Amino acid sequence: MSENKKSFLLYTDQRAIFDKLSDAEAGKLIKHIFSYTNNEFPECENILLEIAFTSIETQLKRDLVKYKSICNRNRTNGSKGGRPNKKNPKEPKEPNGFSGNPKEPKEADYLVKQLIK
């Protein structure tokens, strides 16, 4: 698998594979998966476990290709630098456009005056 990768995915639909195996065989299969993902290239003597591992191995390889493409995309985006400068310096610094309290408040609306009376 990959040298610097610290995790991998098992999917919930792969549980059916583990449910068909006995507990001892399922334990051997998961240990085989961990050995494979840690680049130990394990040998499997049991043909049943080898068949069960084949479908999981295919998915692990697909996930690794996707992981490497995301790493390459992030690497190229990172080499471009940070966020570009704003083009319009007159834009407000506050994202909501609020620039503070007004120094001289305007006269209250007609309805507000009626409520105060």
PDB file of N, CA and C in Angstrom:
ATOM      1  N   MET A   1       0.847  -1.180   0.000  1.00  0.00           N
ATOM      2  CA  MET A   1       0.000   0.000   0.000  1.00  0.00           C
ATOM      3  C   MET A   1       0.889   1.238   0.000  1.00  0.00           C
ATOM      4  N   SER A   2       0.518   2.243   0.749  1.00  0.00           N
ATOM      5  CA  SER A   2       1.234   3.515   0.709  1.00  0.00           C
ATOM      6  C   SER A   2       2.155   3.639   1.914  1.00  0.00           C
ATOM      7  N   GLU A   3       3.259   4.323   1.733  1.00  0.00           N
ATOM      8  CA  GLU A   3       4.250   4.462   2.790  1.00  0.00           C
ATOM      9  C   GLU A   3       3.783   5.351   3.936  1.00  0.00           C
ATOM     10  N   ASN A   4       3.244   6.539   3.628  1.00  0.00           N
ATOM     11  CA  ASN A   4       2.930   7.518   4.665  1.00  0.00           C
ATOM     12  C   ASN A   4       1.470   7.503   5.091  1.00  0.00           C
ATOM     13  N   LYS A   5       0.696   6.592   4.600  1.00  0.00           N
ATOM     14  CA  LYS A   5      -0.723   6.542   4.915  1.00  0.00           C
ATOM     15  C   LYS A   5      -0.908   5.848   6.259  1.00  0.00           C
ATOM     16  N   LYS A   6      -1.676   6.478   7.144  1.00  0.00           N
ATOM     17  CA  LYS A   6      -1.836   5.949   8.489  1.00  0.00           C
ATOM     18  C   LYS A   6      -3.203   5.323   8.734  1.00  0.00           C
ATOM     19  N   SER A   7      -4.061   5.320   7.732  1.00  0.00           N
ATOM     20  CA  SER A   7      -5.395   4.756   7.916  1.00  0.00           C
ATOM     21  C   SER A   7      -5.896   4.159   6.606  1.00  0.00           C
ATOM     22  N   PHE A   8      -6.963   3.395   6.712  1.00  0.00           N
ATOM     23  CA  PHE A   8      -7.630   2.851   5.539  1.00  0.00           C
ATOM     24  C   PHE A   8      -9.101   2.690   5.873  1.00  0.00           C
ATOM     25  N   LEU A   9      -9.920   2.468   4.844  1.00  0.00           N
ATOM     26  CA  LEU A   9     -11.360   2.345   5.027  1.00  0.00           C
ATOM     27  C   LEU A   9     -11.809   0.906   4.834  1.00  0.00           C
ATOM     28  N   LEU A  10     -12.670   0.471   5.734  1.00  0.00           N
ATOM     29  CA  LEU A  10     -13.453  -0.735   5.521  1.00  0.00           C
ATOM     30  C   LEU A  10     -14.893  -0.272   5.435  1.00  0.00           C
ATOM     31  N   TYR A  11     -15.645  -0.810   4.511  1.00  0.00           N
ATOM     32  CA  TYR A  11     -17.003  -0.357   4.286  1.00  0.00           C
ATOM     33  C   TYR A  11     -17.994  -1.282   4.982  1.00  0.00           C
ATOM     34  N   THR A  12     -19.132  -0.730   5.351  1.00  0.00           N
ATOM     35  CA  THR A  12     -20.123  -1.504   6.096  1.00  0.00           C
ATOM     36  C   THR A  12     -20.694  -2.651   5.263  1.00  0.00           C
ATOM     37  N   ASP A  13     -20.722  -2.514   3.955  1.00  0.00           N
ATOM     38  CA  ASP A  13     -21.230  -3.621   3.150  1.00  0.00           C
ATOM     39  C   ASP A  13     -20.241  -4.790   3.092  1.00  0.00           C
ATOM     40  N   GLN A  14     -19.008  -4.576   3.543  1.00  0.00           N
ATOM     41  CA  GLN A  14     -18.038  -5.668   3.610  1.00  0.00           C
ATOM     42  C   GLN A  14     -18.256  -6.536   4.849  1.00  0.00           C
ATOM     43  N   ARG A  15     -19.156  -6.110   5.721  1.00  0.00           N
ATOM     44  CA  ARG A  15     -19.444  -6.895   6.920  1.00  0.00           C
ATOM     45  C   ARG A  15     -20.002  -8.262   6.546  1.00  0.00           C
ATOM     46  N   ALA A  16     -20.707  -8.340   5.424  1.00  0.00           N
ATOM     47  CA  ALA A  16     -21.277  -9.612   4.992  1.00  0.00           C
ATOM     48  C   ALA A  16     -20.187 -10.666   4.805  1.00  0.00           C
ATOM     49  N   ILE A  17     -19.035 -10.239   4.362  1.00  0.00           N
ATOM     50  CA  ILE A  17     -17.904 -11.170   4.210  1.00  0.00           C
ATOM     51  C   ILE A  17     -17.507 -11.723   5.571  1.00  0.00           C
ATOM     52  N   PHE A  18     -17.413 -10.840   6.560  1.00  0.00           N
ATOM     53  CA  PHE A  18     -16.997 -11.265   7.894  1.00  0.00           C
ATOM     54  C   PHE A  18     -18.070 -12.112   8.571  1.00  0.00           C
ATOM     55  N   ASP A  19     -19.341 -11.821   8.289  1.00  0.00           N
ATOM     56  CA  ASP A  19     -20.429 -12.599   8.896  1.00  0.00           C
ATOM     57  C   ASP A  19     -20.448 -14.042   8.402  1.00  0.00           C
ATOM     58  N   LYS A  20     -20.015 -14.277   7.183  1.00  0.00           N
ATOM     59  CA  LYS A  20     -19.997 -15.629   6.626  1.00  0.00           C
ATOM     60  C   LYS A  20     -18.860 -16.480   7.205  1.00  0.00           C
ATOM     61  N   LEU A  21     -17.850 -15.840   7.779  1.00  0.00           N
ATOM     62  CA  LEU A  21     -16.693 -16.552   8.320  1.00  0.00           C
ATOM     63  C   LEU A  21     -16.890 -16.851   9.798  1.00  0.00           C
ATOM     64  N   SER A  22     -16.172 -17.856  10.287  1.00  0.00           N
ATOM     65  CA  SER A  22     -16.174 -18.097  11.734  1.00  0.00           C
ATOM     66  C   SER A  22     -15.363 -16.994  12.405  1.00  0.00           C
ATOM     67  N   ASP A  23     -15.455 -16.898  13.723  1.00  0.00           N
ATOM     68  CA  ASP A  23     -14.728 -15.855  14.440  1.00  0.00           C
ATOM     69  C   ASP A  23     -13.219 -15.982  14.249  1.00  0.00           C
ATOM     70  N   ALA A  24     -12.720 -17.207  14.239  1.00  0.00           N
ATOM     71  CA  ALA A  24     -11.282 -17.420  14.055  1.00  0.00           C
ATOM     72  C   ALA A  24     -10.852 -16.990  12.651  1.00  0.00           C
ATOM     73  N   GLU A  25     -11.664 -17.360  11.647  1.00  0.00           N
ATOM     74  CA  GLU A  25     -11.327 -16.978  10.272  1.00  0.00           C
ATOM     75  C   GLU A  25     -11.441 -15.463  10.068  1.00  0.00           C
ATOM     76  N   ALA A  26     -12.455 -14.844  10.688  1.00  0.00           N
ATOM     77  CA  ALA A  26     -12.607 -13.391  10.580  1.00  0.00           C
ATOM     78  C   ALA A  26     -11.426 -12.689  11.230  1.00  0.00           C
ATOM     79  N   GLY A  27     -10.938 -13.219  12.344  1.00  0.00           N
ATOM     80  CA  GLY A  27      -9.762 -12.643  12.995  1.00  0.00           C
ATOM     81  C   GLY A  27      -8.522 -12.754  12.116  1.00  0.00           C
ATOM     82  N   LYS A  28      -8.371 -13.893  11.472  1.00  0.00           N
ATOM     83  CA  LYS A  28      -7.230 -14.068  10.569  1.00  0.00           C
ATOM     84  C   LYS A  28      -7.340 -13.129   9.370  1.00  0.00           C
ATOM     85  N   LEU A  29      -8.569 -12.929   8.880  1.00  0.00           N
ATOM     86  CA  LEU A  29      -8.767 -12.040   7.739  1.00  0.00           C
ATOM     87  C   LEU A  29      -8.425 -10.601   8.099  1.00  0.00           C
ATOM     88  N   ILE A  30      -8.867 -10.126   9.233  1.00  0.00           N
ATOM     89  CA  ILE A  30      -8.571  -8.733   9.608  1.00  0.00           C
ATOM     90  C   ILE A  30      -7.082  -8.555   9.866  1.00  0.00           C
ATOM     91  N   LYS A  31      -6.424  -9.545  10.434  1.00  0.00           N
ATOM     92  CA  LYS A  31      -4.968  -9.463  10.616  1.00  0.00           C
ATOM     93  C   LYS A  31      -4.262  -9.456   9.246  1.00  0.00           C
ATOM     94  N   HIS A  32      -4.795 -10.216   8.303  1.00  0.00           N
ATOM     95  CA  HIS A  32      -4.244 -10.235   6.949  1.00  0.00           C
ATOM     96  C   HIS A  32      -4.397  -8.851   6.294  1.00  0.00           C
ATOM     97  N   ILE A  33      -5.542  -8.211   6.510  1.00  0.00           N
ATOM     98  CA  ILE A  33      -5.784  -6.873   5.956  1.00  0.00           C
ATOM     99  C   ILE A  33      -4.796  -5.875   6.546  1.00  0.00           C
ATOM    100  N   PHE A  34      -4.598  -5.920   7.868  1.00  0.00           N
ATOM    101  CA  PHE A  34      -3.646  -5.004   8.495  1.00  0.00           C
ATOM    102  C   PHE A  34      -2.231  -5.243   8.001  1.00  0.00           C
ATOM    103  N   SER A  35      -1.847  -6.490   7.828  1.00  0.00           N
ATOM    104  CA  SER A  35      -0.513  -6.789   7.303  1.00  0.00           C
ATOM    105  C   SER A  35      -0.360  -6.241   5.887  1.00  0.00           C
ATOM    106  N   TYR A  36      -1.386  -6.393   5.073  1.00  0.00           N
ATOM    107  CA  TYR A  36      -1.351  -5.910   3.697  1.00  0.00           C
ATOM    108  C   TYR A  36      -1.217  -4.393   3.648  1.00  0.00           C
ATOM    109  N   THR A  37      -1.985  -3.684   4.477  1.00  0.00           N
ATOM    110  CA  THR A  37      -1.951  -2.223   4.451  1.00  0.00           C
ATOM    111  C   THR A  37      -0.662  -1.668   5.053  1.00  0.00           C
ATOM    112  N   ASN A  38       0.053  -2.473   5.821  1.00  0.00           N
ATOM    113  CA  ASN A  38       1.333  -2.042   6.380  1.00  0.00           C
ATOM    114  C   ASN A  38       2.511  -2.534   5.559  1.00  0.00           C
ATOM    115  N   ASN A  39       2.267  -2.896   4.301  1.00  0.00           N
ATOM    116  CA  ASN A  39       3.319  -3.310   3.359  1.00  0.00           C
ATOM    117  C   ASN A  39       4.110  -4.527   3.814  1.00  0.00           C
ATOM    118  N   GLU A  40       3.461  -5.455   4.472  1.00  0.00           N
ATOM    119  CA  GLU A  40       4.153  -6.677   4.901  1.00  0.00           C
ATOM    120  C   GLU A  40       3.971  -7.815   3.902  1.00  0.00           C
ATOM    121  N   PHE A  41       3.111  -7.645   2.902  1.00  0.00           N
ATOM    122  CA  PHE A  41       2.854  -8.617   1.848  1.00  0.00           C
ATOM    123  C   PHE A  41       2.665 -10.030   2.413  1.00  0.00           C
ATOM    124  N   PRO A  42       1.581 -10.227   3.149  1.00  0.00           N
ATOM    125  CA  PRO A  42       1.360 -11.518   3.809  1.00  0.00           C
ATOM    126  C   PRO A  42       0.965 -12.622   2.824  1.00  0.00           C
ATOM    127  N   GLU A  43       1.269 -13.838   3.181  1.00  0.00           N
ATOM    128  CA  GLU A  43       0.859 -15.018   2.418  1.00  0.00           C
ATOM    129  C   GLU A  43      -0.320 -15.648   3.149  1.00  0.00           C
ATOM    130  N   CYS A  44      -1.305 -16.072   2.384  1.00  0.00           N
ATOM    131  CA  CYS A  44      -2.495 -16.684   2.981  1.00  0.00           C
ATOM    132  C   CYS A  44      -2.584 -18.134   2.517  1.00  0.00           C
ATOM    133  N   GLU A  45      -2.568 -19.077   3.476  1.00  0.00           N
ATOM    134  CA  GLU A  45      -2.630 -20.490   3.133  1.00  0.00           C
ATOM    135  C   GLU A  45      -4.067 -20.940   2.901  1.00  0.00           C
ATOM    136  N   ASN A  46      -5.007 -20.305   3.564  1.00  0.00           N
ATOM    137  CA  ASN A  46      -6.405 -20.704   3.478  1.00  0.00           C
ATOM    138  C   ASN A  46      -7.033 -20.087   2.223  1.00  0.00           C
ATOM    139  N   ILE A  47      -7.541 -20.913   1.330  1.00  0.00           N
ATOM    140  CA  ILE A  47      -8.104 -20.421   0.076  1.00  0.00           C
ATOM    141  C   ILE A  47      -9.384 -19.626   0.313  1.00  0.00           C
ATOM    142  N   LEU A  48     -10.139 -19.972   1.341  1.00  0.00           N
ATOM    143  CA  LEU A  48     -11.363 -19.241   1.658  1.00  0.00           C
ATOM    144  C   LEU A  48     -11.047 -17.808   2.072  1.00  0.00           C
ATOM    145  N   LEU A  49     -10.012 -17.635   2.889  1.00  0.00           N
ATOM    146  CA  LEU A  49      -9.612 -16.290   3.306  1.00  0.00           C
ATOM    147  C   LEU A  49      -9.029 -15.507   2.133  1.00  0.00           C
ATOM    148  N   GLU A  50      -8.343 -16.191   1.246  1.00  0.00           N
ATOM    149  CA  GLU A  50      -7.776 -15.526   0.069  1.00  0.00           C
ATOM    150  C   GLU A  50      -8.883 -14.995  -0.836  1.00  0.00           C
ATOM    151  N   ILE A  51      -9.932 -15.767  -0.995  1.00  0.00           N
ATOM    152  CA  ILE A  51     -11.073 -15.327  -1.810  1.00  0.00           C
ATOM    153  C   ILE A  51     -11.778 -14.148  -1.141  1.00  0.00           C
ATOM    154  N   ALA A  52     -11.968 -14.236   0.163  1.00  0.00           N
ATOM    155  CA  ALA A  52     -12.621 -13.146   0.897  1.00  0.00           C
ATOM    156  C   ALA A  52     -11.779 -11.871   0.845  1.00  0.00           C
ATOM    157  N   PHE A  53     -10.468 -12.028   0.911  1.00  0.00           N
ATOM    158  CA  PHE A  53      -9.574 -10.871   0.910  1.00  0.00           C
ATOM    159  C   PHE A  53      -9.519 -10.195  -0.462  1.00  0.00           C
ATOM    160  N   THR A  54      -9.737 -10.935  -1.518  1.00  0.00           N
ATOM    161  CA  THR A  54      -9.603 -10.387  -2.875  1.00  0.00           C
ATOM    162  C   THR A  54     -10.528  -9.203  -3.109  1.00  0.00           C
ATOM    163  N   SER A  55     -11.787  -9.296  -2.680  1.00  0.00           N
ATOM    164  CA  SER A  55     -12.710  -8.176  -2.904  1.00  0.00           C
ATOM    165  C   SER A  55     -12.332  -6.970  -2.041  1.00  0.00           C
ATOM    166  N   ILE A  56     -11.840  -7.234  -0.835  1.00  0.00           N
ATOM    167  CA  ILE A  56     -11.416  -6.137   0.034  1.00  0.00           C
ATOM    168  C   ILE A  56     -10.147  -5.490  -0.522  1.00  0.00           C
ATOM    169  N   GLU A  57      -9.249  -6.297  -1.040  1.00  0.00           N
ATOM    170  CA  GLU A  57      -8.004  -5.781  -1.622  1.00  0.00           C
ATOM    171  C   GLU A  57      -8.288  -4.869  -2.814  1.00  0.00           C
ATOM    172  N   THR A  58      -9.247  -5.242  -3.641  1.00  0.00           N
ATOM    173  CA  THR A  58      -9.597  -4.417  -4.797  1.00  0.00           C
ATOM    174  C   THR A  58     -10.086  -3.044  -4.350  1.00  0.00           C
ATOM    175  N   GLN A  59     -10.925  -3.016  -3.320  1.00  0.00           N
ATOM    176  CA  GLN A  59     -11.429  -1.737  -2.814  1.00  0.00           C
ATOM    177  C   GLN A  59     -10.308  -0.921  -2.176  1.00  0.00           C
ATOM    178  N   LEU A  60      -9.406  -1.570  -1.475  1.00  0.00           N
ATOM    179  CA  LEU A  60      -8.269  -0.858  -0.875  1.00  0.00           C
ATOM    180  C   LEU A  60      -7.403  -0.213  -1.957  1.00  0.00           C
ATOM    181  N   LYS A  61      -7.203  -0.897  -3.066  1.00  0.00           N
ATOM    182  CA  LYS A  61      -6.412  -0.340  -4.162  1.00  0.00           C
ATOM    183  C   LYS A  61      -7.122   0.851  -4.797  1.00  0.00           C
ATOM    184  N   ARG A  62      -8.455   0.756  -4.977  1.00  0.00           N
ATOM    185  CA  ARG A  62      -9.212   1.883  -5.525  1.00  0.00           C
ATOM    186  C   ARG A  62      -9.123   3.089  -4.606  1.00  0.00           C
ATOM    187  N   ASP A  63      -9.241   2.850  -3.306  1.00  0.00           N
ATOM    188  CA  ASP A  63      -9.154   3.945  -2.338  1.00  0.00           C
ATOM    189  C   ASP A  63      -7.770   4.588  -2.336  1.00  0.00           C
ATOM    190  N   LEU A  64      -6.736   3.777  -2.542  1.00  0.00           N
ATOM    191  CA  LEU A  64      -5.370   4.305  -2.570  1.00  0.00           C
ATOM    192  C   LEU A  64      -5.161   5.203  -3.787  1.00  0.00           C
ATOM    193  N   VAL A  65      -5.704   4.822  -4.923  1.00  0.00           N
ATOM    194  CA  VAL A  65      -5.592   5.662  -6.122  1.00  0.00           C
ATOM    195  C   VAL A  65      -6.296   6.990  -5.886  1.00  0.00           C
ATOM    196  N   LYS A  66      -7.472   6.948  -5.289  1.00  0.00           N
ATOM    197  CA  LYS A  66      -8.217   8.174  -4.986  1.00  0.00           C
ATOM    198  C   LYS A  66      -7.446   9.044  -3.992  1.00  0.00           C
ATOM    199  N   TYR A  67      -6.855   8.420  -2.973  1.00  0.00           N
ATOM    200  CA  TYR A  67      -6.067   9.139  -1.961  1.00  0.00           C
ATOM    201  C   TYR A  67      -4.875   9.837  -2.602  1.00  0.00           C
ATOM    202  N   LYS A  68      -4.185   9.138  -3.488  1.00  0.00           N
ATOM    203  CA  LYS A  68      -3.013   9.738  -4.139  1.00  0.00           C
ATOM    204  C   LYS A  68      -3.408  10.888  -5.056  1.00  0.00           C
ATOM    205  N   SER A  69      -4.550  10.785  -5.731  1.00  0.00           N
ATOM    206  CA  SER A  69      -4.983  11.881  -6.590  1.00  0.00           C
ATOM    207  C   SER A  69      -5.356  13.109  -5.751  1.00  0.00           C
ATOM    208  N   ILE A  70      -5.946  12.899  -4.595  1.00  0.00           N
ATOM    209  CA  ILE A  70      -6.266  14.024  -3.706  1.00  0.00           C
ATOM    210  C   ILE A  70      -4.986  14.656  -3.173  1.00  0.00           C
ATOM    211  N   CYS A  71      -4.000  13.831  -2.826  1.00  0.00           N
ATOM    212  CA  CYS A  71      -2.715  14.364  -2.357  1.00  0.00           C
ATOM    213  C   CYS A  71      -2.049  15.208  -3.444  1.00  0.00           C
ATOM    214  N   ASN A  72      -2.067  14.725  -4.676  1.00  0.00           N
ATOM    215  CA  ASN A  72      -1.471  15.484  -5.784  1.00  0.00           C
ATOM    216  C   ASN A  72      -2.212  16.794  -6.007  1.00  0.00           C
ATOM    217  N   ARG A  73      -3.538  16.764  -5.962  1.00  0.00           N
ATOM    218  CA  ARG A  73      -4.330  17.982  -6.126  1.00  0.00           C
ATOM    219  C   ARG A  73      -4.012  18.991  -5.023  1.00  0.00           C
ATOM    220  N   ASN A  74      -3.940  18.515  -3.778  1.00  0.00           N
ATOM    221  CA  ASN A  74      -3.613  19.415  -2.669  1.00  0.00           C
ATOM    222  C   ASN A  74      -2.196  19.969  -2.794  1.00  0.00           C
ATOM    223  N   ARG A  75      -1.277  19.149  -3.291  1.00  0.00           N
ATOM    224  CA  ARG A  75       0.105  19.589  -3.458  1.00  0.00           C
ATOM    225  C   ARG A  75       0.196  20.709  -4.501  1.00  0.00           C
ATOM    226  N   THR A  76      -0.508  20.537  -5.627  1.00  0.00           N
ATOM    227  CA  THR A  76      -0.470  21.586  -6.650  1.00  0.00           C
ATOM    228  C   THR A  76      -1.185  22.850  -6.184  1.00  0.00           C
ATOM    229  N   ASN A  77      -2.292  22.697  -5.465  1.00  0.00           N
ATOM    230  CA  ASN A  77      -2.977  23.880  -4.939  1.00  0.00           C
ATOM    231  C   ASN A  77      -2.124  24.597  -3.898  1.00  0.00           C
ATOM    232  N   GLY A  78      -1.395  23.846  -3.092  1.00  0.00           N
ATOM    233  CA  GLY A  78      -0.538  24.461  -2.088  1.00  0.00           C
ATOM    234  C   GLY A  78       0.645  25.185  -2.694  1.00  0.00           C
ATOM    235  N   SER A  79       1.133  24.698  -3.824  1.00  0.00           N
ATOM    236  CA  SER A  79       2.277  25.361  -4.463  1.00  0.00           C
ATOM    237  C   SER A  79       1.880  26.685  -5.115  1.00  0.00           C
ATOM    238  N   LYS A  80       0.585  26.890  -5.320  1.00  0.00           N
ATOM    239  CA  LYS A  80       0.120  28.144  -5.914  1.00  0.00           C
ATOM    240  C   LYS A  80       0.134  29.289  -4.915  1.00  0.00           C
ATOM    241  N   GLY A  81       0.237  28.991  -3.657  1.00  0.00           N
ATOM    242  CA  GLY A  81       0.272  30.042  -2.646  1.00  0.00           C
ATOM    243  C   GLY A  81      -1.039  30.138  -1.903  1.00  0.00           C
ATOM    244  N   GLY A  82      -1.137  31.172  -1.074  1.00  0.00           N
ATOM    245  CA  GLY A  82      -2.324  31.359  -0.254  1.00  0.00           C
ATOM    246  C   GLY A  82      -3.457  32.015  -0.992  1.00  0.00           C
ATOM    247  N   ARG A  83      -4.359  32.551  -0.225  1.00  0.00           N
ATOM    248  CA  ARG A  83      -5.523  33.225  -0.790  1.00  0.00           C
ATOM    249  C   ARG A  83      -5.078  34.498  -1.488  1.00  0.00           C
ATOM    250  N   PRO A  84      -5.620  34.775  -2.675  1.00  0.00           N
ATOM    251  CA  PRO A  84      -5.228  35.997  -3.381  1.00  0.00           C
ATOM    252  C   PRO A  84      -5.751  37.243  -2.664  1.00  0.00           C
ATOM    253  N   ASN A  85      -5.056  38.372  -2.898  1.00  0.00           N
ATOM    254  CA  ASN A  85      -5.477  39.635  -2.304  1.00  0.00           C
ATOM    255  C   ASN A  85      -6.826  40.048  -2.846  1.00  0.00           C
ATOM    256  N   LYS A  86      -7.534  40.846  -2.054  1.00  0.00           N
ATOM    257  CA  LYS A  86      -8.820  41.352  -2.518  1.00  0.00           C
ATOM    258  C   LYS A  86      -8.580  42.338  -3.648  1.00  0.00           C
ATOM    259  N   LYS A  87      -9.456  42.305  -4.638  1.00  0.00           N
ATOM    260  CA  LYS A  87      -9.295  43.182  -5.789  1.00  0.00           C
ATOM    261  C   LYS A  87      -9.834  44.575  -5.521  1.00  0.00           C
ATOM    262  N   ASN A  88     -10.851  44.677  -4.688  1.00  0.00           N
ATOM    263  CA  ASN A  88     -11.468  45.969  -4.422  1.00  0.00           C
ATOM    264  C   ASN A  88     -11.174  46.366  -2.973  1.00  0.00           C
ATOM    265  N   PRO A  89     -10.260  47.323  -2.756  1.00  0.00           N
ATOM    266  CA  PRO A  89      -9.925  47.697  -1.381  1.00  0.00           C
ATOM    267  C   PRO A  89     -11.052  48.449  -0.668  1.00  0.00           C
ATOM    268  N   LYS A  90     -12.086  48.897  -1.412  1.00  0.00           N
ATOM    269  CA  LYS A  90     -13.184  49.635  -0.796  1.00  0.00           C
ATOM    270  C   LYS A  90     -14.219  48.717  -0.153  1.00  0.00           C
ATOM    271  N   GLU A  91     -14.082  47.417  -0.316  1.00  0.00           N
ATOM    272  CA  GLU A  91     -15.026  46.493   0.290  1.00  0.00           C
ATOM    273  C   GLU A  91     -14.911  46.583   1.812  1.00  0.00           C
ATOM    274  N   PRO A  92     -16.015  46.445   2.526  1.00  0.00           N
ATOM    275  CA  PRO A  92     -15.957  46.534   3.982  1.00  0.00           C
ATOM    276  C   PRO A  92     -15.145  45.381   4.571  1.00  0.00           C
ATOM    277  N   LYS A  93     -14.464  45.658   5.668  1.00  0.00           N
ATOM    278  CA  LYS A  93     -13.659  44.630   6.302  1.00  0.00           C
ATOM    279  C   LYS A  93     -14.538  43.640   7.056  1.00  0.00           C
ATOM    280  N   GLU A  94     -15.667  44.124   7.557  1.00  0.00           N
ATOM    281  CA  GLU A  94     -16.600  43.242   8.230  1.00  0.00           C
ATOM    282  C   GLU A  94     -17.384  42.462   7.175  1.00  0.00           C
ATOM    283  N   PRO A  95     -17.508  41.153   7.305  1.00  0.00           N
ATOM    284  CA  PRO A  95     -18.215  40.390   6.282  1.00  0.00           C
ATOM    285  C   PRO A  95     -19.703  40.724   6.193  1.00  0.00           C
ATOM    286  N   ASN A  96     -20.297  41.195   7.287  1.00  0.00           N
ATOM    287  CA  ASN A  96     -21.717  41.518   7.246  1.00  0.00           C
ATOM    288  C   ASN A  96     -21.958  42.961   6.818  1.00  0.00           C
ATOM    289  N   GLY A  97     -20.925  43.736   6.584  1.00  0.00           N
ATOM    290  CA  GLY A  97     -21.057  45.116   6.117  1.00  0.00           C
ATOM    291  C   GLY A  97     -21.308  46.119   7.226  1.00  0.00           C
ATOM    292  N   PHE A  98     -21.367  45.673   8.465  1.00  0.00           N
ATOM    293  CA  PHE A  98     -21.621  46.566   9.583  1.00  0.00           C
ATOM    294  C   PHE A  98     -20.338  47.318   9.922  1.00  0.00           C
ATOM    295  N   SER A  99     -20.398  48.625   9.884  1.00  0.00           N
ATOM    296  CA  SER A  99     -19.181  49.407  10.099  1.00  0.00           C
ATOM    297  C   SER A  99     -19.142  50.068  11.472  1.00  0.00           C
ATOM    298  N   GLY A 100     -20.055  49.760  12.358  1.00  0.00           N
ATOM    299  CA  GLY A 100     -20.055  50.331  13.700  1.00  0.00           C
ATOM    300  C   GLY A 100     -21.344  51.097  13.967  1.00  0.00           C
ATOM    301  N   ASN A 101     -21.465  51.643  15.182  1.00  0.00           N
ATOM    302  CA  ASN A 101     -22.647  52.422  15.543  1.00  0.00           C
ATOM    303  C   ASN A 101     -22.577  53.801  14.911  1.00  0.00           C
ATOM    304  N   PRO A 102     -23.736  54.326  14.490  1.00  0.00           N
ATOM    305  CA  PRO A 102     -23.718  55.673  13.924  1.00  0.00           C
ATOM    306  C   PRO A 102     -23.457  56.700  15.025  1.00  0.00           C
ATOM    307  N   LYS A 103     -22.736  57.771  14.686  1.00  0.00           N
ATOM    308  CA  LYS A 103     -22.404  58.797  15.673  1.00  0.00           C
ATOM    309  C   LYS A 103     -23.624  59.661  15.978  1.00  0.00           C
ATOM    310  N   GLU A 104     -24.414  59.955  14.985  1.00  0.00           N
ATOM    311  CA  GLU A 104     -25.635  60.727  15.182  1.00  0.00           C
ATOM    312  C   GLU A 104     -26.810  59.890  14.701  1.00  0.00           C
ATOM    313  N   PRO A 105     -27.584  59.309  15.619  1.00  0.00           N
ATOM    314  CA  PRO A 105     -28.689  58.466  15.181  1.00  0.00           C
ATOM    315  C   PRO A 105     -29.762  59.270  14.470  1.00  0.00           C
ATOM    316  N   LYS A 106     -30.425  58.621  13.532  1.00  0.00           N
ATOM    317  CA  LYS A 106     -31.493  59.265  12.782  1.00  0.00           C
ATOM    318  C   LYS A 106     -32.755  59.304  13.641  1.00  0.00           C
ATOM    319  N   GLU A 107     -33.710  60.143  13.215  1.00  0.00           N
ATOM    320  CA  GLU A 107     -34.974  60.256  13.921  1.00  0.00           C
ATOM    321  C   GLU A 107     -35.743  58.945  13.792  1.00  0.00           C
ATOM    322  N   ALA A 108     -36.449  58.548  14.865  1.00  0.00           N
ATOM    323  CA  ALA A 108     -37.177  57.292  14.898  1.00  0.00           C
ATOM    324  C   ALA A 108     -38.304  57.286  13.877  1.00  0.00           C
ATOM    325  N   ASP A 109     -38.686  56.120  13.447  1.00  0.00           N
ATOM    326  CA  ASP A 109     -39.771  55.971  12.495  1.00  0.00           C
ATOM    327  C   ASP A 109     -41.101  56.381  13.118  1.00  0.00           C
ATOM    328  N   TYR A 110     -42.094  56.573  12.292  1.00  0.00           N
ATOM    329  CA  TYR A 110     -43.404  57.016  12.732  1.00  0.00           C
ATOM    330  C   TYR A 110     -44.034  56.003  13.680  1.00  0.00           C
ATOM    331  N   LEU A 111     -43.939  54.692  13.370  1.00  0.00           N
ATOM    332  CA  LEU A 111     -44.543  53.671  14.223  1.00  0.00           C
ATOM    333  C   LEU A 111     -43.869  53.606  15.581  1.00  0.00           C
ATOM    334  N   VAL A 112     -42.592  53.770  15.600  1.00  0.00           N
ATOM    335  CA  VAL A 112     -41.872  53.747  16.870  1.00  0.00           C
ATOM    336  C   VAL A 112     -42.295  54.920  17.724  1.00  0.00           C
ATOM    337  N   LYS A 113     -42.506  56.076  17.125  1.00  0.00           N
ATOM    338  CA  LYS A 113     -42.973  57.263  17.870  1.00  0.00           C
ATOM    339  C   LYS A 113     -44.339  57.017  18.460  1.00  0.00           C
ATOM    340  N   GLN A 114     -45.211  56.329  17.710  1.00  0.00           N
ATOM    341  CA  GLN A 114     -46.557  56.059  18.185  1.00  0.00           C
ATOM    342  C   GLN A 114     -46.509  55.084  19.373  1.00  0.00           C
ATOM    343  N   LEU A 115     -45.606  54.124  19.349  1.00  0.00           N
ATOM    344  CA  LEU A 115     -45.490  53.163  20.438  1.00  0.00           C
ATOM    345  C   LEU A 115     -44.955  53.811  21.710  1.00  0.00           C
ATOM    346  N   ILE A 116     -44.099  54.783  21.561  1.00  0.00           N
ATOM    347  CA  ILE A 116     -43.509  55.451  22.713  1.00  0.00           C
ATOM    348  C   ILE A 116     -44.553  56.291  23.437  1.00  0.00           C
ATOM    349  N   LYS A 117     -45.484  56.906  22.728  1.00  0.00           N
ATOM    350  CA  LYS A 117     -46.509  57.769  23.321  1.00  0.00           C
ATOM    351  C   LYS A 117     -47.363  57.030  24.229  1.00  0.00           C
TER     352      LYS A 117
END
